[in-house]
Amino acid sequence: MRVLFSAALDGGLSELDEERLDAHLAACAGCRAYAETTAGASTLLRQTPLEELTVPILVPGRRLAVARKLQVAAAAAAVAATVGLSAAVSTIEHPASSHAASRSAAPSAKLRFPDQELRMLQRASQARSHPHLAL
């Protein structure tokens, strides 16, 4: 019914809807109170003079909205490229860490003392330079 009353305030009801609204308002005290309050507010708003704006209101055009979407997409691409490049550079700079990660399941990869690790690296480098000493 409130939709009908709102349309009645704007003068947009058919004769049949006006009769339905009047019959309902005669029987329903809650809707009648709402109608009186809303009619008073509507009258007050319609009688109030329009305010002259001293500052122009600018609505962004469609081009600006498209440009903002492109800026957001470019920023997201830059972040993705930065993350990808930093991951690639860290892999290139520290290739042993990727191999160590693959060997982490092996018990020999879990050394607790740096001197043991250093001896192991020395043996590995000797084995590369002298394959017959690999045993």
N, C-alpha and C. Protein backbone atom coordinates (compact mmCIF):
# COMPACT_ATOMS: atom_id res chain seq x y z
N MET A 1 0.81 -1.20 0.00
CA MET A 1 0.00 0.00 0.00
C MET A 1 0.86 1.27 0.00
N ARG A 2 2.04 1.17 0.61
CA ARG A 2 2.89 2.35 0.67
C ARG A 2 3.34 2.76 -0.72
N VAL A 3 3.52 1.79 -1.61
CA VAL A 3 3.88 2.10 -2.99
C VAL A 3 2.75 2.87 -3.66
N LEU A 4 1.52 2.43 -3.40
CA LEU A 4 0.36 3.14 -3.97
C LEU A 4 0.29 4.56 -3.42
N PHE A 5 0.56 4.70 -2.12
CA PHE A 5 0.49 6.04 -1.54
C PHE A 5 1.57 6.95 -2.12
N SER A 6 2.76 6.42 -2.32
CA SER A 6 3.83 7.20 -2.91
C SER A 6 3.46 7.65 -4.32
N ALA A 7 2.86 6.75 -5.09
CA ALA A 7 2.42 7.11 -6.43
C ALA A 7 1.30 8.15 -6.38
N ALA A 8 0.43 8.06 -5.35
CA ALA A 8 -0.67 9.02 -5.21
C ALA A 8 -0.11 10.42 -4.93
N LEU A 9 0.97 10.51 -4.14
CA LEU A 9 1.58 11.81 -3.86
C LEU A 9 2.10 12.47 -5.14
N ASP A 10 2.56 11.65 -6.07
CA ASP A 10 3.07 12.16 -7.34
C ASP A 10 1.97 12.31 -8.39
N GLY A 11 0.76 11.93 -8.04
CA GLY A 11 -0.35 12.04 -8.98
C GLY A 11 -0.33 10.99 -10.07
N GLY A 12 0.22 9.82 -9.77
CA GLY A 12 0.35 8.79 -10.80
C GLY A 12 -0.52 7.57 -10.60
N LEU A 13 -1.66 7.71 -9.90
CA LEU A 13 -2.53 6.56 -9.69
C LEU A 13 -3.73 6.60 -10.62
N SER A 14 -4.15 5.41 -11.01
CA SER A 14 -5.39 5.31 -11.79
C SER A 14 -6.57 5.47 -10.83
N GLU A 15 -7.78 5.66 -11.38
CA GLU A 15 -8.96 5.83 -10.53
C GLU A 15 -9.21 4.60 -9.68
N LEU A 16 -9.00 3.43 -10.23
CA LEU A 16 -9.20 2.18 -9.49
C LEU A 16 -8.22 2.09 -8.32
N ASP A 17 -6.93 2.40 -8.56
CA ASP A 17 -5.94 2.35 -7.48
C ASP A 17 -6.22 3.41 -6.42
N GLU A 18 -6.72 4.58 -6.83
CA GLU A 18 -7.07 5.62 -5.85
C GLU A 18 -8.18 5.12 -4.94
N GLU A 19 -9.17 4.45 -5.51
CA GLU A 19 -10.27 3.91 -4.71
C GLU A 19 -9.77 2.83 -3.76
N ARG A 20 -8.89 1.95 -4.23
CA ARG A 20 -8.33 0.91 -3.37
C ARG A 20 -7.55 1.52 -2.21
N LEU A 21 -6.76 2.56 -2.53
CA LEU A 21 -5.97 3.21 -1.48
C LEU A 21 -6.87 3.90 -0.46
N ASP A 22 -7.88 4.62 -0.93
CA ASP A 22 -8.79 5.30 -0.01
C ASP A 22 -9.52 4.31 0.89
N ALA A 23 -9.94 3.18 0.34
CA ALA A 23 -10.64 2.16 1.14
C ALA A 23 -9.70 1.57 2.19
N HIS A 24 -8.45 1.36 1.81
CA HIS A 24 -7.50 0.79 2.76
C HIS A 24 -7.18 1.79 3.88
N LEU A 25 -6.97 3.05 3.51
CA LEU A 25 -6.65 4.07 4.51
C LEU A 25 -7.81 4.26 5.49
N ALA A 26 -9.04 4.08 5.03
CA ALA A 26 -10.19 4.22 5.91
C ALA A 26 -10.23 3.10 6.94
N ALA A 27 -9.68 1.93 6.59
CA ALA A 27 -9.76 0.78 7.48
C ALA A 27 -8.47 0.56 8.30
N CYS A 28 -7.33 1.10 7.87
CA CYS A 28 -6.06 0.79 8.53
C CYS A 28 -5.48 2.05 9.18
N ALA A 29 -5.44 2.06 10.50
CA ALA A 29 -4.95 3.23 11.24
C ALA A 29 -3.44 3.42 11.05
N GLY A 30 -2.67 2.34 10.96
CA GLY A 30 -1.23 2.43 10.78
C GLY A 30 -0.87 3.08 9.45
N CYS A 31 -1.53 2.64 8.40
CA CYS A 31 -1.26 3.22 7.08
C CYS A 31 -1.77 4.66 7.00
N ARG A 32 -2.86 4.95 7.71
CA ARG A 32 -3.39 6.32 7.72
C ARG A 32 -2.39 7.26 8.40
N ALA A 33 -1.77 6.83 9.51
CA ALA A 33 -0.76 7.65 10.19
C ALA A 33 0.46 7.84 9.28
N TYR A 34 0.87 6.76 8.60
CA TYR A 34 1.99 6.86 7.67
C TYR A 34 1.67 7.85 6.56
N ALA A 35 0.45 7.78 6.03
CA ALA A 35 0.04 8.65 4.93
C ALA A 35 0.06 10.12 5.36
N GLU A 36 -0.40 10.39 6.56
CA GLU A 36 -0.42 11.78 7.05
C GLU A 36 1.00 12.32 7.22
N THR A 37 1.87 11.51 7.83
CA THR A 37 3.26 11.93 8.04
C THR A 37 3.98 12.14 6.72
N THR A 38 3.81 11.20 5.80
CA THR A 38 4.48 11.27 4.51
C THR A 38 3.95 12.43 3.68
N ALA A 39 2.65 12.66 3.74
CA ALA A 39 2.07 13.77 2.98
C ALA A 39 2.60 15.10 3.49
N GLY A 40 2.76 15.22 4.82
CA GLY A 40 3.30 16.45 5.40
C GLY A 40 4.75 16.67 4.97
N ALA A 41 5.55 15.60 5.00
CA ALA A 41 6.95 15.72 4.58
C ALA A 41 7.05 16.06 3.10
N SER A 42 6.20 15.45 2.30
CA SER A 42 6.22 15.71 0.86
C SER A 42 5.84 17.16 0.56
N THR A 43 4.84 17.67 1.27
CA THR A 43 4.42 19.06 1.07
C THR A 43 5.54 20.01 1.47
N LEU A 44 6.18 19.73 2.58
CA LEU A 44 7.28 20.58 3.04
C LEU A 44 8.43 20.59 2.02
N LEU A 45 8.77 19.43 1.51
CA LEU A 45 9.84 19.35 0.51
C LEU A 45 9.49 20.11 -0.77
N ARG A 46 8.26 19.98 -1.21
CA ARG A 46 7.84 20.64 -2.45
C ARG A 46 7.80 22.17 -2.30
N GLN A 47 7.54 22.67 -1.08
CA GLN A 47 7.46 24.11 -0.87
C GLN A 47 8.82 24.75 -0.59
N THR A 48 9.80 23.96 -0.24
CA THR A 48 11.13 24.49 0.07
C THR A 48 11.81 24.95 -1.22
N PRO A 49 12.36 26.18 -1.23
CA PRO A 49 13.02 26.65 -2.45
C PRO A 49 14.31 25.87 -2.71
N LEU A 50 14.66 25.78 -3.97
CA LEU A 50 15.88 25.08 -4.34
C LEU A 50 17.10 25.86 -3.90
N GLU A 51 18.12 25.15 -3.50
CA GLU A 51 19.38 25.75 -3.06
C GLU A 51 20.26 26.00 -4.29
N GLU A 52 20.80 27.19 -4.37
CA GLU A 52 21.72 27.52 -5.45
C GLU A 52 23.11 27.02 -5.07
N LEU A 53 23.71 26.25 -5.94
CA LEU A 53 25.04 25.72 -5.67
C LEU A 53 26.10 26.72 -6.06
N THR A 54 27.09 26.87 -5.20
CA THR A 54 28.20 27.77 -5.49
C THR A 54 29.41 27.02 -6.04
N VAL A 55 29.41 25.71 -5.87
CA VAL A 55 30.50 24.88 -6.35
C VAL A 55 29.97 23.95 -7.43
N PRO A 56 30.64 23.88 -8.56
CA PRO A 56 30.14 22.97 -9.61
C PRO A 56 30.34 21.50 -9.20
N ILE A 57 29.41 20.69 -9.61
CA ILE A 57 29.50 19.26 -9.34
C ILE A 57 29.92 18.59 -10.65
N LEU A 58 31.03 17.88 -10.60
CA LEU A 58 31.54 17.21 -11.78
C LEU A 58 31.34 15.71 -11.64
N VAL A 59 30.71 15.13 -12.62
CA VAL A 59 30.50 13.69 -12.65
C VAL A 59 31.53 13.12 -13.62
N PRO A 60 32.31 12.13 -13.17
CA PRO A 60 33.33 11.59 -14.07
C PRO A 60 32.69 10.96 -15.30
N GLY A 61 33.30 11.24 -16.41
CA GLY A 61 32.79 10.70 -17.67
C GLY A 61 33.15 9.24 -17.85
N ARG A 62 32.63 8.66 -18.87
CA ARG A 62 32.86 7.25 -19.15
C ARG A 62 34.34 6.98 -19.43
N ARG A 63 35.00 7.93 -20.10
CA ARG A 63 36.41 7.73 -20.41
C ARG A 63 37.24 7.64 -19.14
N LEU A 64 36.92 8.45 -18.16
CA LEU A 64 37.66 8.43 -16.90
C LEU A 64 37.47 7.10 -16.19
N ALA A 65 36.26 6.57 -16.22
CA ALA A 65 36.00 5.28 -15.58
C ALA A 65 36.79 4.17 -16.26
N VAL A 66 36.86 4.20 -17.58
CA VAL A 66 37.62 3.19 -18.32
C VAL A 66 39.10 3.35 -18.01
N ALA A 67 39.58 4.59 -17.94
CA ALA A 67 40.98 4.83 -17.62
C ALA A 67 41.32 4.32 -16.23
N ARG A 68 40.43 4.48 -15.27
CA ARG A 68 40.69 3.98 -13.93
C ARG A 68 40.77 2.45 -13.92
N LYS A 69 39.91 1.79 -14.68
CA LYS A 69 39.96 0.34 -14.75
C LYS A 69 41.28 -0.11 -15.37
N LEU A 70 41.74 0.62 -16.38
CA LEU A 70 43.02 0.28 -16.99
C LEU A 70 44.17 0.50 -16.00
N GLN A 71 44.09 1.56 -15.20
CA GLN A 71 45.12 1.81 -14.21
C GLN A 71 45.17 0.68 -13.18
N VAL A 72 44.02 0.23 -12.74
CA VAL A 72 43.96 -0.86 -11.77
C VAL A 72 44.53 -2.14 -12.39
N ALA A 73 44.17 -2.41 -13.64
CA ALA A 73 44.69 -3.61 -14.31
C ALA A 73 46.20 -3.53 -14.48
N ALA A 74 46.70 -2.35 -14.84
CA ALA A 74 48.15 -2.19 -15.01
C ALA A 74 48.88 -2.35 -13.68
N ALA A 75 48.31 -1.83 -12.61
CA ALA A 75 48.92 -1.98 -11.29
C ALA A 75 48.94 -3.45 -10.88
N ALA A 76 47.87 -4.16 -11.13
CA ALA A 76 47.82 -5.59 -10.79
C ALA A 76 48.85 -6.37 -11.61
N ALA A 77 49.00 -6.03 -12.88
CA ALA A 77 49.99 -6.70 -13.72
C ALA A 77 51.40 -6.40 -13.23
N ALA A 78 51.64 -5.16 -12.80
CA ALA A 78 52.97 -4.80 -12.29
C ALA A 78 53.29 -5.57 -11.02
N VAL A 79 52.31 -5.72 -10.14
CA VAL A 79 52.53 -6.47 -8.90
C VAL A 79 52.82 -7.93 -9.23
N ALA A 80 52.06 -8.51 -10.14
CA ALA A 80 52.28 -9.91 -10.52
C ALA A 80 53.65 -10.09 -11.15
N ALA A 81 54.06 -9.17 -12.01
CA ALA A 81 55.38 -9.25 -12.63
C ALA A 81 56.48 -9.12 -11.59
N THR A 82 56.32 -8.23 -10.63
CA THR A 82 57.33 -8.05 -9.58
C THR A 82 57.47 -9.31 -8.74
N VAL A 83 56.36 -9.90 -8.37
CA VAL A 83 56.41 -11.13 -7.57
C VAL A 83 57.06 -12.25 -8.37
N GLY A 84 56.69 -12.37 -9.63
CA GLY A 84 57.27 -13.41 -10.48
C GLY A 84 58.76 -13.23 -10.67
N LEU A 85 59.17 -12.00 -10.95
CA LEU A 85 60.60 -11.73 -11.14
C LEU A 85 61.39 -11.95 -9.87
N SER A 86 60.86 -11.54 -8.73
CA SER A 86 61.59 -11.74 -7.48
C SER A 86 61.73 -13.22 -7.17
N ALA A 87 60.73 -14.01 -7.48
CA ALA A 87 60.83 -15.46 -7.27
C ALA A 87 61.86 -16.06 -8.21
N ALA A 88 61.88 -15.61 -9.46
CA ALA A 88 62.86 -16.12 -10.42
C ALA A 88 64.28 -15.73 -10.03
N VAL A 89 64.47 -14.49 -9.60
CA VAL A 89 65.80 -14.03 -9.20
C VAL A 89 66.29 -14.78 -7.97
N SER A 90 65.40 -15.01 -7.01
CA SER A 90 65.84 -15.73 -5.81
C SER A 90 66.19 -17.17 -6.15
N THR A 91 65.50 -17.76 -7.13
CA THR A 91 65.83 -19.13 -7.55
C THR A 91 67.17 -19.15 -8.27
N ILE A 92 67.44 -18.13 -9.09
CA ILE A 92 68.70 -18.07 -9.82
C ILE A 92 69.85 -17.81 -8.85
N GLU A 93 69.66 -16.91 -7.91
CA GLU A 93 70.73 -16.57 -6.97
C GLU A 93 71.01 -17.68 -5.97
N HIS A 94 70.02 -18.44 -5.61
CA HIS A 94 70.16 -19.50 -4.60
C HIS A 94 69.66 -20.83 -5.14
N PRO A 95 70.32 -21.39 -6.15
CA PRO A 95 69.82 -22.66 -6.69
C PRO A 95 69.99 -23.81 -5.72
N ALA A 96 70.96 -23.71 -4.82
CA ALA A 96 71.17 -24.80 -3.86
C ALA A 96 69.98 -24.94 -2.93
N SER A 97 69.31 -23.83 -2.64
CA SER A 97 68.17 -23.92 -1.74
C SER A 97 67.04 -24.72 -2.36
N SER A 98 66.88 -24.63 -3.70
CA SER A 98 65.83 -25.42 -4.33
C SER A 98 66.20 -26.89 -4.33
N HIS A 99 67.54 -27.19 -4.51
CA HIS A 99 67.97 -28.58 -4.44
C HIS A 99 67.89 -29.10 -3.03
N ALA A 100 68.23 -28.26 -2.07
CA ALA A 100 68.17 -28.67 -0.66
C ALA A 100 66.73 -28.95 -0.26
N ALA A 101 65.82 -28.18 -0.81
CA ALA A 101 64.41 -28.41 -0.49
C ALA A 101 63.95 -29.75 -1.03
N SER A 102 64.47 -30.14 -2.21
CA SER A 102 64.07 -31.43 -2.77
C SER A 102 64.73 -32.58 -2.02
N ARG A 103 65.90 -32.32 -1.41
CA ARG A 103 66.59 -33.36 -0.66
C ARG A 103 66.23 -33.33 0.82
N SER A 104 65.35 -32.44 1.23
CA SER A 104 65.08 -32.30 2.66
C SER A 104 64.48 -33.55 3.28
N ALA A 105 63.90 -34.41 2.46
CA ALA A 105 63.33 -35.63 3.00
C ALA A 105 64.43 -36.64 3.35
N ALA A 106 65.58 -36.53 2.71
CA ALA A 106 66.68 -37.46 2.98
C ALA A 106 67.32 -37.13 4.33
N PRO A 107 67.68 -38.14 5.10
CA PRO A 107 68.26 -37.87 6.42
C PRO A 107 69.63 -37.19 6.34
N SER A 108 70.42 -37.43 5.28
CA SER A 108 71.75 -36.83 5.20
C SER A 108 71.69 -35.33 4.95
N ALA A 109 70.56 -34.81 4.48
CA ALA A 109 70.44 -33.39 4.20
C ALA A 109 70.20 -32.57 5.46
N LYS A 110 69.89 -33.23 6.55
CA LYS A 110 69.59 -32.52 7.80
C LYS A 110 70.82 -32.49 8.71
N LEU A 111 71.82 -31.70 8.32
CA LEU A 111 73.02 -31.58 9.13
C LEU A 111 72.82 -30.51 10.17
N ARG A 112 73.36 -30.77 11.35
CA ARG A 112 73.17 -29.83 12.44
C ARG A 112 74.39 -28.95 12.68
N PHE A 113 75.52 -29.31 12.13
CA PHE A 113 76.75 -28.57 12.41
C PHE A 113 77.36 -28.04 11.12
N PRO A 114 77.75 -26.77 11.10
CA PRO A 114 78.31 -26.18 9.88
C PRO A 114 79.59 -26.86 9.40
N ASP A 115 80.42 -27.34 10.32
CA ASP A 115 81.67 -27.97 9.88
C ASP A 115 81.40 -29.28 9.14
N GLN A 116 80.37 -30.01 9.54
CA GLN A 116 80.00 -31.21 8.80
C GLN A 116 79.51 -30.86 7.40
N GLU A 117 78.73 -29.79 7.32
CA GLU A 117 78.22 -29.37 6.04
C GLU A 117 79.36 -28.92 5.13
N LEU A 118 80.35 -28.22 5.70
CA LEU A 118 81.49 -27.75 4.92
C LEU A 118 82.29 -28.94 4.39
N ARG A 119 82.53 -29.95 5.22
CA ARG A 119 83.25 -31.14 4.76
C ARG A 119 82.49 -31.85 3.65
N MET A 120 81.18 -31.90 3.78
CA MET A 120 80.37 -32.56 2.76
C MET A 120 80.47 -31.80 1.43
N LEU A 121 80.45 -30.47 1.49
CA LEU A 121 80.58 -29.67 0.27
C LEU A 121 81.96 -29.83 -0.35
N GLN A 122 82.98 -29.91 0.47
CA GLN A 122 84.34 -30.11 -0.06
C GLN A 122 84.45 -31.46 -0.76
N ARG A 123 83.89 -32.49 -0.16
CA ARG A 123 83.92 -33.81 -0.80
C ARG A 123 83.17 -33.81 -2.12
N ALA A 124 82.04 -33.08 -2.16
CA ALA A 124 81.26 -33.03 -3.40
C ALA A 124 82.04 -32.30 -4.49
N SER A 125 82.74 -31.22 -4.14
CA SER A 125 83.50 -30.49 -5.16
C SER A 125 84.69 -31.31 -5.64
N GLN A 126 85.32 -32.09 -4.75
CA GLN A 126 86.42 -32.96 -5.16
C GLN A 126 85.91 -34.06 -6.08
N ALA A 127 84.73 -34.56 -5.79
CA ALA A 127 84.17 -35.62 -6.63
C ALA A 127 83.88 -35.10 -8.03
N ARG A 128 83.49 -33.85 -8.14
CA ARG A 128 83.23 -33.28 -9.47
C ARG A 128 84.54 -33.10 -10.24
N SER A 129 85.55 -32.63 -9.56
CA SER A 129 86.81 -32.39 -10.26
C SER A 129 87.59 -33.68 -10.50
N HIS A 130 87.43 -34.69 -9.67
CA HIS A 130 88.12 -35.98 -9.80
C HIS A 130 87.08 -37.09 -9.71
N PRO A 131 86.43 -37.47 -10.81
CA PRO A 131 85.36 -38.47 -10.75
C PRO A 131 85.81 -39.82 -10.22
N HIS A 132 87.07 -40.17 -10.39
CA HIS A 132 87.53 -41.47 -9.91
C HIS A 132 87.67 -41.50 -8.39
N LEU A 133 87.64 -40.32 -7.69
CA LEU A 133 87.70 -40.27 -6.23
C LEU A 133 86.31 -40.21 -5.59
N ALA A 134 85.28 -40.34 -6.35
CA ALA A 134 83.92 -40.17 -5.86
C ALA A 134 83.54 -41.21 -4.83
N LEU A 135 84.27 -42.31 -4.79
CA LEU A 135 83.94 -43.35 -3.82
C LEU A 135 84.35 -42.90 -2.49
